[in-house]
């Protein structure tokens, strides 16, 4: 994946959760991950609370954000 490309772990559709980014094949907004982490939750807790989300999806989103913020291209 190149910088600027979204990870395959997420999707967005105007017909699903008002068009916000969600974890693929779920209705869980990606923003829920960041809100929970900000509030002190662990990734493990997040996965327990949202069983439809896979660890690989969370890792892909976090890796994407890290690469984006660092300004480094992903491969």
Protein backbone atom coordinates (compact mmCIF):
# COMPACT_ATOMS: atom_id res chain seq x y z
CA UNK A 1 0.00 0.00 0.00
CA UNK A 2 1.32 3.42 -0.89
CA UNK A 3 0.98 6.47 1.30
CA UNK A 4 -2.44 7.96 0.73
CA UNK A 5 -4.08 4.61 -0.08
CA UNK A 6 -6.48 3.32 2.49
CA UNK A 7 -5.91 -0.10 4.01
CA UNK A 8 -8.07 -2.97 2.73
CA UNK A 9 -9.28 -3.39 6.31
CA UNK A 10 -11.72 -0.50 5.96
CA UNK A 11 -14.54 0.51 3.67
CA UNK A 12 -16.99 3.31 3.23
CA UNK A 13 -20.43 3.43 1.64
CA UNK A 14 -23.06 6.17 1.74
CA UNK A 15 -25.61 3.48 2.66
CA UNK A 16 -23.67 2.20 5.67
CA UNK A 17 -23.36 4.13 8.96
CA UNK A 18 -23.91 7.47 7.23
CA UNK A 19 -20.90 6.97 4.97
CA UNK A 20 -18.18 7.00 7.65
CA UNK A 21 -15.16 4.71 7.42
CA UNK A 22 -15.92 1.35 9.02
CA UNK A 23 -13.96 -1.85 9.47
CA UNK A 24 -14.66 -3.99 6.40
CA UNK A 25 -17.70 -6.28 6.70
CA UNK A 26 -18.80 -4.58 9.94
CA UNK A 27 -20.73 -1.51 11.00
CA UNK A 28 -17.99 -0.51 13.47
CA UNK A 29 -16.65 2.97 12.70
CA UNK A 30 -12.88 3.27 12.55
CA UNK A 31 -13.24 6.33 14.76
CA UNK A 32 -14.46 4.02 17.55
CA UNK A 33 -10.98 2.48 17.67
CA UNK A 34 -9.26 5.83 18.15
CA UNK A 35 -11.86 7.07 20.64
CA UNK A 36 -11.47 3.95 22.76
CA UNK A 37 -7.67 4.06 22.62
CA UNK A 38 -7.74 7.75 23.56
CA UNK A 39 -9.93 6.91 26.55
CA UNK A 40 -7.45 4.32 27.80
CA UNK A 41 -8.73 1.06 26.33
CA UNK A 42 -6.31 -1.52 25.01
CA UNK A 43 -6.54 -3.08 21.57
CA UNK A 44 -7.49 -6.33 23.29
CA UNK A 45 -10.41 -4.64 25.05
CA UNK A 46 -11.53 -3.04 21.80
CA UNK A 47 -11.53 -6.43 20.10
CA UNK A 48 -13.55 -7.91 22.98
CA UNK A 49 -16.10 -5.09 22.77
CA UNK A 50 -16.38 -5.28 18.96
CA UNK A 51 -16.13 -9.00 18.11
CA UNK A 52 -16.70 -8.47 14.37
CA UNK A 53 -13.41 -6.58 14.07
CA UNK A 54 -10.27 -8.64 13.48
CA UNK A 55 -6.86 -7.91 15.02
CA UNK A 56 -5.33 -7.73 11.53
CA UNK A 57 -7.79 -4.96 10.65
CA UNK A 58 -6.84 -2.94 13.74
CA UNK A 59 -3.14 -3.43 13.03
CA UNK A 60 -3.60 -2.35 9.39
CA UNK A 61 -5.38 0.85 10.45
CA UNK A 62 -2.77 1.66 13.09
CA UNK A 63 0.09 0.95 10.66
CA UNK A 64 -1.58 3.19 8.07
CA UNK A 65 -1.96 6.05 10.54
CA UNK A 66 1.62 5.68 11.74
CA UNK A 67 2.96 5.75 8.18
CA UNK A 68 0.73 8.69 7.28
CA UNK A 69 1.77 10.73 10.29
CA UNK A 70 5.45 9.86 9.81
CA UNK A 71 5.23 10.83 6.15
CA UNK A 72 6.77 7.53 5.05
CA UNK A 73 5.43 5.56 2.10
CA UNK A 74 4.02 2.10 2.85
CA UNK A 75 4.72 -0.91 0.66
